[in-house]
Amino acid sequence: MSNGTFLVVLPDRQKKDLEKGILDFLHNNGYTESYDIFKKESQHDDFNPDPKDRYHHILAKKWNSISRLQKKILELEQKNLQLKKELESAPVRKTTSTTDWLPRPPEKYTLGQHRSAITHVRFHPEYSVIATASDDMTIKIWDPETGEFERTLKGHTKTVHDIAFSPNGKILVSCSADLTLRLWDIENEYQCSKTMYGHDHCVSSLAFLGPDKIISGSRDETIKIWELRTGYCVQTLQGFPSWVRYVRPDSTLTELIVASGDRVVLREINSKENRLDIHAHENMVECAIYAPIKSTPFLLKLAGIDQKPDKEKSQFFLSASRDKTIKLWDRYSGQLVYTFKGHDNWVRELVVHPSGKYLISASDDKTMRIWDLSTGRCIKKIEAATHFVTCIDFSTVNPLVATGSVDNQVKIWTCR
């Protein structure tokens, strides 16, 4: 410290990256003499500016990012000040429990930069970020709190079918009809760090299997398990009835639930045989998920079962189908427990409210519907789009729900 000023010391790697960024800037802007001097003083004699490397225009990109962040900080500070004033003048009233917060119309934002149908929407697990995938072969990144578009991820050559954030929020993974999965490094400007090959037909679904593995389901009727660090396929599961349209792990990461044709399959990861194989619906099953442990007390009530909930793993699973129904099943016996009826067209995707008390469904009847899991009743119907609603997700960071549609739009809904 000197004259009241702190010396900022960067780690070696960041220091070298900054130096190369400065060299790229000097070279691109014609500061030839400064470039030569700085190159010598920084001891980067082997550096040669290349439009294809990650240092190309990196200072300008960082500067623009900082400007956007400063703008966002100012907006948030202003919003915070406004909310403080509202709180000071607001009458005292009974607090509504957040467990009852549900999406309400109208939508907060409409995100409309995709050029084709939306296939999936996923909120980041820690930050105010949402990723959207589309038939237009791209993934787009947005801020759901402000509705601002941030960037487009390009690389896939056909429809992007599914996306997922890693549990630590550092990686985004995508899968596509181009037969590949791609890893996007969030901490490095969402650069594509790996492309994974192995499936023989379009890859329709994926999920993280803990922090270091990925599972993917394909129209080639297999599920593959990939090692995140290397990008290698370490296991292939076969023996499914048909096209694997949807796959998710259970909370213990030992079993998978699979939507395949008009059937739902439960398969232990280390087994070659399906533990359950149920003819679940009269048409294609679009989605199948384990009911979270938080939902168990409500579902036991719905099923009329008087027993203590299992606190270790889910006791039920749910399936949604083109036959317009949602069904609740006993995980162990495979018995049908309840059928949710009300949608007028295909039911595309399901998400359970963070409280475990409600189920939200997205459908080709252009609506999302909210179901009380203790009674089985539809308690709210929201007209969510002008065309088929294909996907839905619930944020764990903010009280927000996102829906995507064939009308090329994503809508953000506030819960209150």
Protein backbone atom coordinates (compact mmCIF):
# COMPACT_ATOMS: atom_id res chain seq x y z
CA MET A 1 0.00 0.00 0.00
CA SER A 2 1.31 3.44 -0.93
CA ASN A 3 -0.35 6.88 -0.51
CA GLY A 4 -3.64 5.22 0.44
CA THR A 5 -3.75 3.07 -2.72
CA PHE A 6 -4.02 -0.72 -2.70
CA LEU A 7 -2.03 -2.74 -5.22
CA VAL A 8 -4.31 -5.31 -6.90
CA VAL A 9 -2.45 -8.58 -7.44
CA LEU A 10 -3.88 -11.02 -9.98
CA PRO A 11 -3.19 -14.76 -9.97
CA ASP A 12 -0.60 -15.73 -12.59
CA ARG A 13 -3.12 -17.25 -14.98
CA GLN A 14 -5.42 -14.21 -14.90
CA LYS A 15 -2.40 -11.91 -15.25
CA LYS A 16 -1.24 -13.74 -18.38
CA ASP A 17 -4.75 -13.71 -19.84
CA LEU A 18 -4.99 -9.94 -19.24
CA GLU A 19 -1.59 -9.35 -20.86
CA LYS A 20 -2.60 -11.34 -23.95
CA GLY A 21 -5.88 -9.43 -24.11
CA ILE A 22 -3.96 -6.14 -24.02
CA LEU A 23 -1.62 -7.36 -26.77
CA ASP A 24 -4.60 -8.33 -28.92
CA PHE A 25 -6.17 -4.89 -28.35
CA LEU A 26 -2.96 -3.02 -29.21
CA HIS A 27 -2.43 -5.08 -32.36
CA ASN A 28 -6.03 -4.73 -33.61
CA ASN A 29 -6.03 -0.97 -33.09
CA GLY A 30 -2.72 -0.24 -34.80
CA TYR A 31 -0.60 0.60 -31.74
CA THR A 32 2.39 -1.12 -33.32
CA GLU A 33 5.15 0.46 -31.24
CA SER A 34 3.28 -0.03 -27.96
CA TYR A 35 2.48 -3.61 -29.01
CA ASP A 36 6.15 -4.43 -29.62
CA ILE A 37 7.29 -2.84 -26.35
CA PHE A 38 4.58 -4.48 -24.24
CA LYS A 39 5.13 -7.85 -25.90
CA LYS A 40 8.80 -7.70 -24.92
CA GLU A 41 8.18 -6.43 -21.37
CA SER A 42 5.44 -8.98 -20.68
CA GLN A 43 7.64 -11.77 -22.07
CA HIS A 44 5.02 -13.08 -24.49
CA ASP A 45 7.40 -13.50 -27.41
CA ASP A 46 5.42 -16.46 -28.74
CA PHE A 47 2.10 -14.56 -28.82
CA ASN A 48 0.59 -14.07 -32.27
CA PRO A 49 -2.88 -12.47 -32.57
CA ASP A 50 -5.37 -14.92 -34.04
CA PRO A 51 -9.05 -14.09 -34.79
CA LYS A 52 -9.94 -17.66 -33.78
CA ASP A 53 -8.42 -17.68 -30.29
CA ARG A 54 -10.24 -16.65 -27.13
CA TYR A 55 -8.21 -13.46 -26.69
CA HIS A 56 -9.57 -11.92 -29.90
CA HIS A 57 -11.46 -8.72 -28.91
CA ILE A 58 -11.66 -10.04 -25.32
CA LEU A 59 -11.03 -6.59 -23.76
CA ALA A 60 -13.90 -5.06 -25.74
CA LYS A 61 -16.18 -7.95 -24.74
CA LYS A 62 -15.21 -7.61 -21.07
CA TRP A 63 -15.70 -3.83 -21.24
CA ASN A 64 -19.19 -4.26 -22.71
CA SER A 65 -20.01 -6.86 -20.03
CA ILE A 66 -18.88 -4.45 -17.30
CA SER A 67 -21.01 -1.67 -18.82
CA ARG A 68 -24.06 -3.95 -18.83
CA LEU A 69 -23.39 -4.99 -15.23
CA GLN A 70 -23.00 -1.36 -14.13
CA LYS A 71 -26.30 -0.52 -15.79
CA LYS A 72 -27.95 -3.49 -14.09
CA ILE A 73 -26.50 -2.49 -10.69
CA LEU A 74 -27.89 1.04 -11.09
CA GLU A 75 -31.30 -0.35 -12.06
CA LEU A 76 -31.31 -2.73 -9.08
CA GLU A 77 -30.23 0.03 -6.68
CA GLN A 78 -33.07 2.22 -7.98
CA LYS A 79 -35.51 -0.67 -7.67
CA ASN A 80 -34.26 -1.39 -4.13
CA LEU A 81 -34.78 2.24 -3.15
CA GLN A 82 -38.28 2.20 -4.60
CA LEU A 83 -39.17 -1.02 -2.76
CA LYS A 84 -37.86 0.42 0.53
CA LYS A 85 -40.15 3.44 0.08
CA GLU A 86 -43.10 1.15 -0.70
CA LEU A 87 -42.39 -0.97 2.39
CA GLU A 88 -42.20 2.10 4.63
CA SER A 89 -45.59 3.33 3.43
CA ALA A 90 -47.28 -0.08 3.14
CA PRO A 91 -49.97 -1.07 5.66
CA VAL A 92 -49.17 -3.98 7.95
CA ARG A 93 -50.92 -7.17 6.87
CA LYS A 94 -50.76 -10.90 7.42
CA THR A 95 -47.87 -12.48 5.52
CA THR A 96 -48.76 -14.99 2.80
CA SER A 97 -46.73 -18.18 3.00
CA THR A 98 -44.35 -18.62 0.08
CA THR A 99 -45.48 -22.26 -0.11
CA ASP A 100 -48.68 -20.95 -1.69
CA TRP A 101 -47.03 -18.65 -4.23
CA LEU A 102 -48.18 -19.66 -7.71
CA PRO A 103 -47.68 -18.22 -11.21
CA ARG A 104 -50.25 -15.58 -12.06
CA PRO A 105 -51.12 -13.84 -15.32
CA PRO A 106 -50.21 -11.71 -17.06
CA GLU A 107 -46.67 -12.78 -17.86
CA LYS A 108 -43.85 -10.58 -16.55
CA TYR A 109 -41.78 -10.79 -19.76
CA THR A 110 -42.00 -12.30 -23.22
CA LEU A 111 -38.61 -13.36 -24.60
CA GLY A 112 -38.85 -13.46 -28.36
CA GLN A 113 -35.54 -13.72 -30.21
CA HIS A 114 -35.71 -17.39 -31.25
CA ARG A 115 -36.61 -18.08 -34.88
CA SER A 116 -38.37 -21.40 -34.33
CA ALA A 117 -40.23 -23.42 -31.69
CA ILE A 118 -38.91 -23.54 -28.11
CA THR A 119 -37.99 -27.06 -27.01
CA HIS A 120 -36.76 -26.53 -23.43
CA VAL A 121 -36.27 -23.86 -20.76
CA ARG A 122 -33.97 -24.20 -17.74
CA PHE A 123 -33.24 -21.83 -14.85
CA HIS A 124 -29.72 -21.61 -13.43
CA PRO A 125 -29.51 -23.21 -9.94
CA GLU A 126 -27.83 -20.20 -8.28
CA TYR A 127 -28.05 -17.06 -10.44
CA SER A 128 -30.71 -15.01 -12.18
CA VAL A 129 -30.11 -16.74 -15.52
CA ILE A 130 -32.31 -18.79 -17.82
CA ALA A 131 -31.26 -20.84 -20.86
CA THR A 132 -33.69 -21.55 -23.70
CA ALA A 133 -33.31 -24.17 -26.45
CA SER A 134 -34.99 -24.18 -29.82
CA ASP A 135 -35.65 -25.85 -33.15
CA ASP A 136 -33.55 -23.00 -34.60
CA MET A 137 -30.40 -24.93 -33.52
CA THR A 138 -29.41 -22.35 -30.89
CA ILE A 139 -29.44 -21.82 -27.14
CA LYS A 140 -30.07 -18.34 -25.78
CA ILE A 141 -29.15 -16.95 -22.37
CA TRP A 142 -31.32 -14.34 -20.62
CA ASP A 143 -31.75 -12.55 -17.31
CA PRO A 144 -35.27 -13.54 -16.18
CA GLU A 145 -35.40 -10.75 -13.59
CA THR A 146 -35.04 -8.00 -16.22
CA GLY A 147 -36.02 -9.84 -19.40
CA GLU A 148 -32.70 -8.86 -20.99
CA PHE A 149 -31.17 -11.03 -23.69
CA GLU A 150 -27.50 -11.80 -22.98
CA ARG A 151 -26.07 -14.11 -25.67
CA THR A 152 -26.66 -16.85 -28.25
CA LEU A 153 -24.81 -20.18 -28.16
CA LYS A 154 -24.22 -21.64 -31.62
CA GLY A 155 -22.67 -24.96 -32.56
CA HIS A 156 -25.42 -27.52 -32.99
CA THR A 157 -26.47 -28.16 -36.59
CA LYS A 158 -30.00 -29.41 -35.89
CA THR A 159 -32.74 -28.96 -33.25
CA VAL A 160 -31.52 -28.57 -29.66
CA HIS A 161 -33.79 -30.95 -27.74
CA ASP A 162 -32.76 -30.55 -24.09
CA ILE A 163 -30.47 -28.52 -21.82
CA ALA A 164 -29.33 -28.71 -18.18
CA PHE A 165 -27.11 -26.77 -15.79
CA SER A 166 -24.59 -28.66 -13.67
CA PRO A 167 -25.35 -28.77 -9.91
CA ASN A 168 -22.54 -26.24 -9.24
CA GLY A 169 -23.82 -23.98 -12.03
CA LYS A 170 -20.51 -23.88 -13.93
CA ILE A 171 -21.47 -25.97 -16.97
CA LEU A 172 -24.43 -25.97 -19.34
CA VAL A 173 -24.96 -29.17 -21.33
CA SER A 174 -27.13 -29.52 -24.43
CA CYS A 175 -28.22 -32.35 -26.72
CA SER A 176 -29.44 -32.27 -30.27
CA ALA A 177 -30.89 -34.04 -33.28
CA ASP A 178 -27.35 -33.72 -34.73
CA LEU A 179 -26.50 -36.80 -32.54
CA THR A 180 -24.21 -34.84 -30.17
CA LEU A 181 -24.05 -33.40 -26.68
CA ARG A 182 -22.14 -30.17 -26.08
CA LEU A 183 -20.63 -28.74 -22.90
CA TRP A 184 -20.64 -24.95 -22.51
CA ASP A 185 -18.20 -23.40 -20.00
CA ILE A 186 -20.18 -20.68 -18.22
CA GLU A 187 -17.10 -19.22 -16.50
CA ASN A 188 -15.38 -18.82 -19.89
CA GLU A 189 -18.01 -16.79 -21.74
CA TYR A 190 -20.07 -19.94 -22.45
CA GLN A 191 -17.40 -21.30 -24.79
CA CYS A 192 -18.11 -24.84 -26.06
CA SER A 193 -15.49 -26.91 -24.22
CA LYS A 194 -16.45 -30.39 -25.48
CA THR A 195 -18.58 -32.07 -28.13
CA MET A 196 -19.58 -35.64 -27.25
CA TYR A 197 -20.32 -38.25 -29.91
CA GLY A 198 -21.72 -41.76 -29.49
CA HIS A 199 -25.46 -41.93 -30.17
CA ASP A 200 -26.71 -43.28 -33.53
CA HIS A 201 -29.87 -41.17 -33.68
CA CYS A 202 -31.14 -37.84 -32.34
CA VAL A 203 -30.43 -37.21 -28.64
CA SER A 204 -33.74 -36.20 -27.09
CA SER A 205 -33.13 -35.90 -23.34
CA LEU A 206 -30.36 -35.41 -20.79
CA ALA A 207 -29.71 -34.72 -17.12
CA PHE A 208 -26.80 -34.47 -14.71
CA LEU A 209 -26.12 -37.62 -12.70
CA GLY A 210 -24.53 -35.93 -9.70
CA PRO A 211 -21.67 -33.44 -10.13
CA ASP A 212 -19.46 -35.42 -12.49
CA LYS A 213 -21.64 -37.45 -14.88
CA ILE A 214 -24.33 -36.86 -17.50
CA ILE A 215 -27.06 -39.19 -18.75
CA SER A 216 -28.57 -38.93 -22.22
CA GLY A 217 -31.49 -40.68 -23.92
CA SER A 218 -31.82 -41.13 -27.65
CA ARG A 219 -34.03 -42.27 -30.48
CA ASP A 220 -31.45 -45.06 -30.92
CA GLU A 221 -33.26 -46.68 -27.92
CA THR A 222 -30.27 -46.37 -25.57
CA ILE A 223 -29.22 -44.31 -22.58
CA LYS A 224 -25.58 -43.34 -22.27
CA ILE A 225 -23.66 -42.22 -19.19
CA TRP A 226 -20.86 -39.72 -19.83
CA GLU A 227 -17.94 -38.60 -17.70
CA LEU A 228 -18.02 -34.82 -17.45
CA ARG A 229 -14.25 -34.35 -17.05
CA THR A 230 -13.22 -36.29 -20.17
CA GLY A 231 -16.41 -36.25 -22.23
CA TYR A 232 -16.14 -40.03 -22.68
CA CYS A 233 -19.10 -42.41 -22.65
CA VAL A 234 -18.50 -44.78 -19.72
CA GLN A 235 -21.68 -46.87 -19.89
CA THR A 236 -24.49 -47.68 -22.34
CA LEU A 237 -27.88 -48.95 -21.14
CA GLN A 238 -29.98 -50.94 -23.61
CA GLY A 239 -33.23 -52.89 -23.58
CA PHE A 240 -35.76 -50.07 -23.68
CA PRO A 241 -39.09 -50.58 -25.49
CA SER A 242 -38.69 -47.73 -27.97
CA TRP A 243 -37.28 -44.25 -28.51
CA VAL A 244 -36.04 -42.83 -25.19
CA ARG A 245 -37.85 -39.49 -25.15
CA TYR A 246 -37.20 -38.44 -21.54
CA VAL A 247 -34.83 -39.62 -18.80
CA ARG A 248 -34.18 -38.37 -15.26
CA PRO A 249 -32.31 -39.84 -12.22
CA ASP A 250 -33.81 -40.29 -8.78
CA SER A 251 -32.54 -38.36 -5.76
CA THR A 252 -30.18 -41.20 -4.76
CA LEU A 253 -28.63 -41.27 -8.28
CA THR A 254 -29.03 -45.06 -8.38
CA GLU A 255 -32.13 -45.38 -10.56
CA LEU A 256 -33.47 -43.79 -13.76
CA ILE A 257 -37.02 -43.06 -14.87
CA VAL A 258 -37.49 -43.34 -18.62
CA ALA A 259 -40.30 -42.35 -20.99
CA SER A 260 -40.11 -44.73 -23.95
CA GLY A 261 -42.98 -45.02 -26.43
CA ASP A 262 -46.23 -45.44 -24.49
CA ARG A 263 -44.36 -46.97 -21.55
CA VAL A 264 -42.56 -45.80 -18.41
CA VAL A 265 -39.49 -47.77 -17.36
CA LEU A 266 -37.57 -47.73 -14.06
CA ARG A 267 -34.02 -49.03 -14.36
CA GLU A 268 -31.31 -49.30 -11.70
CA ILE A 269 -28.14 -47.88 -13.22
CA ASN A 270 -26.01 -50.93 -12.45
CA SER A 271 -28.60 -53.40 -13.76
CA LYS A 272 -29.09 -54.79 -17.25
CA GLU A 273 -32.81 -55.39 -16.62
CA ASN A 274 -35.70 -52.96 -16.18
CA ARG A 275 -37.07 -53.04 -12.62
CA LEU A 276 -40.46 -51.83 -13.85
CA ASP A 277 -41.81 -51.62 -17.40
CA ILE A 278 -45.34 -50.23 -17.41
CA HIS A 279 -47.77 -49.69 -20.29
CA ALA A 280 -48.57 -46.30 -18.82
CA HIS A 281 -50.66 -44.47 -21.43
CA GLU A 282 -52.71 -44.89 -24.59
CA ASN A 283 -50.31 -42.70 -26.56
CA MET A 284 -46.68 -41.54 -26.46
CA VAL A 285 -45.32 -40.59 -23.02
CA GLU A 286 -43.75 -37.13 -23.30
CA CYS A 287 -42.40 -36.79 -19.76
CA ALA A 288 -41.82 -38.93 -16.66
CA ILE A 289 -40.42 -37.67 -13.35
CA TYR A 290 -39.94 -38.88 -9.79
CA ALA A 291 -42.13 -36.96 -7.38
CA PRO A 292 -39.79 -35.13 -4.97
CA ILE A 293 -39.62 -36.28 -1.36
CA LYS A 294 -41.34 -33.03 -0.29
CA SER A 295 -44.44 -34.13 -2.22
CA THR A 296 -44.81 -37.47 -0.42
CA PRO A 297 -47.12 -36.29 2.43
CA PHE A 298 -49.51 -34.69 -0.09
CA LEU A 299 -49.46 -37.71 -2.41
CA LEU A 300 -50.05 -40.15 0.46
CA LYS A 301 -53.14 -38.11 1.32
CA LEU A 302 -54.27 -38.20 -2.33
CA ALA A 303 -53.75 -41.98 -2.41
CA GLY A 304 -55.62 -42.44 0.88
CA ILE A 305 -52.61 -44.16 2.45
CA ASP A 306 -52.05 -43.70 6.19
CA GLN A 307 -48.31 -44.16 6.69
CA LYS A 308 -45.21 -42.15 7.49
CA PRO A 309 -43.44 -40.69 4.44
CA ASP A 310 -40.11 -42.19 3.36
CA LYS A 311 -37.54 -39.46 4.07
CA GLU A 312 -34.77 -41.10 2.01
CA LYS A 313 -36.32 -41.45 -1.44
CA SER A 314 -39.44 -40.68 -3.42
CA GLN A 315 -42.33 -43.14 -3.17
CA PHE A 316 -44.13 -42.00 -6.34
CA PHE A 317 -43.55 -40.99 -9.93
CA LEU A 318 -45.58 -39.02 -12.49
CA SER A 319 -46.02 -39.37 -16.23
CA ALA A 320 -47.51 -37.07 -18.89
CA SER A 321 -48.74 -38.19 -22.28
CA ARG A 322 -50.15 -37.37 -25.66
CA ASP A 323 -53.34 -39.07 -24.42
CA LYS A 324 -54.03 -35.75 -22.59
CA THR A 325 -53.60 -37.21 -19.09
CA ILE A 326 -51.12 -37.07 -16.23
CA LYS A 327 -50.78 -40.18 -14.08
CA LEU A 328 -49.43 -40.81 -10.60
CA TRP A 329 -47.82 -44.19 -9.89
CA ASP A 330 -46.49 -46.13 -6.91
CA ARG A 331 -42.74 -46.39 -7.42
CA TYR A 332 -42.36 -49.83 -5.89
CA SER A 333 -45.41 -51.74 -7.10
CA GLY A 334 -45.96 -49.89 -10.36
CA GLN A 335 -49.67 -49.54 -9.51
CA LEU A 336 -51.64 -46.58 -10.85
CA VAL A 337 -52.61 -44.29 -7.97
CA TYR A 338 -54.41 -41.39 -9.65
CA THR A 339 -55.15 -39.89 -13.08
CA PHE A 340 -55.18 -36.11 -13.48
CA LYS A 341 -57.66 -35.13 -16.22
CA GLY A 342 -58.38 -31.70 -17.68
CA HIS A 343 -56.01 -30.95 -20.54
CA ASP A 344 -57.52 -30.90 -24.03
CA ASN A 345 -54.37 -31.87 -25.93
CA TRP A 346 -50.94 -33.47 -25.46
CA VAL A 347 -49.31 -32.90 -22.06
CA ARG A 348 -45.67 -32.04 -22.76
CA GLU A 349 -43.83 -31.47 -19.47
CA LEU A 350 -44.28 -31.45 -15.70
CA VAL A 351 -42.59 -29.56 -12.89
CA VAL A 352 -43.30 -29.79 -9.16
CA HIS A 353 -43.61 -26.62 -7.08
CA PRO A 354 -40.62 -26.14 -4.68
CA SER A 355 -42.97 -26.70 -1.72
CA GLY A 356 -43.93 -30.12 -3.07
CA LYS A 357 -47.58 -29.15 -2.73
CA TYR A 358 -48.44 -28.43 -6.37
CA LEU A 359 -47.81 -29.86 -9.83
CA ILE A 360 -47.59 -27.58 -12.88
CA SER A 361 -48.12 -28.98 -16.37
CA ALA A 362 -47.53 -27.60 -19.88
CA SER A 363 -49.74 -28.68 -22.76
CA ASP A 364 -50.47 -28.37 -26.46
CA ASP A 365 -53.87 -26.95 -25.44
CA LYS A 366 -51.91 -23.66 -25.00
CA THR A 367 -52.22 -23.69 -21.21
CA MET A 368 -50.29 -24.43 -18.09
CA ARG A 369 -52.35 -25.92 -15.30
CA ILE A 370 -51.70 -26.05 -11.58
CA TRP A 371 -52.80 -29.14 -9.66
CA ASP A 372 -53.18 -29.56 -5.89
CA LEU A 373 -51.32 -32.79 -5.13
CA SER A 374 -53.30 -33.51 -1.97
CA THR A 375 -56.69 -33.45 -3.76
CA GLY A 376 -55.81 -34.07 -7.42
CA ARG A 377 -57.87 -31.06 -8.48
CA CYS A 378 -56.81 -28.47 -11.06
CA ILE A 379 -56.88 -25.22 -9.09
CA LYS A 380 -55.69 -22.85 -11.81
CA LYS A 381 -55.63 -22.76 -15.61
CA ILE A 382 -53.46 -20.14 -17.31
CA GLU A 383 -53.59 -19.34 -21.03
CA ALA A 384 -49.83 -19.40 -21.57
CA ALA A 385 -49.31 -18.99 -25.33
CA THR A 386 -50.92 -18.56 -28.74
CA HIS A 387 -49.71 -22.03 -29.77
CA PHE A 388 -48.65 -25.34 -28.16
CA VAL A 389 -46.85 -24.96 -24.80
CA THR A 390 -43.89 -27.34 -25.07
CA CYS A 391 -41.89 -26.90 -21.86
CA ILE A 392 -41.86 -25.47 -18.35
CA ASP A 393 -39.46 -24.85 -15.47
CA PHE A 394 -39.61 -23.39 -11.94
CA SER A 395 -36.77 -21.22 -10.65
CA THR A 396 -35.13 -22.17 -7.35
CA VAL A 397 -33.61 -18.67 -7.07
CA ASN A 398 -36.59 -16.37 -7.67
CA PRO A 399 -40.38 -16.95 -7.52
CA LEU A 400 -40.56 -17.34 -11.30
CA VAL A 401 -41.90 -19.89 -13.77
CA ALA A 402 -40.90 -20.06 -17.45
CA THR A 403 -42.86 -21.58 -20.32
CA GLY A 404 -41.82 -22.11 -23.94
CA SER A 405 -44.03 -22.50 -26.98
CA VAL A 406 -44.19 -23.42 -30.65
CA ASP A 407 -44.89 -19.69 -31.22
CA ASN A 408 -41.09 -19.16 -30.77
CA GLN A 409 -41.59 -17.31 -27.48
CA VAL A 410 -40.59 -17.87 -23.87
CA LYS A 411 -42.72 -16.32 -21.15
CA ILE A 412 -41.63 -15.50 -17.61
CA TRP A 413 -44.37 -15.64 -14.96
CA THR A 414 -44.16 -14.13 -11.48
CA CYS A 415 -45.39 -16.20 -8.53
CA ARG A 416 -47.22 -14.42 -5.73
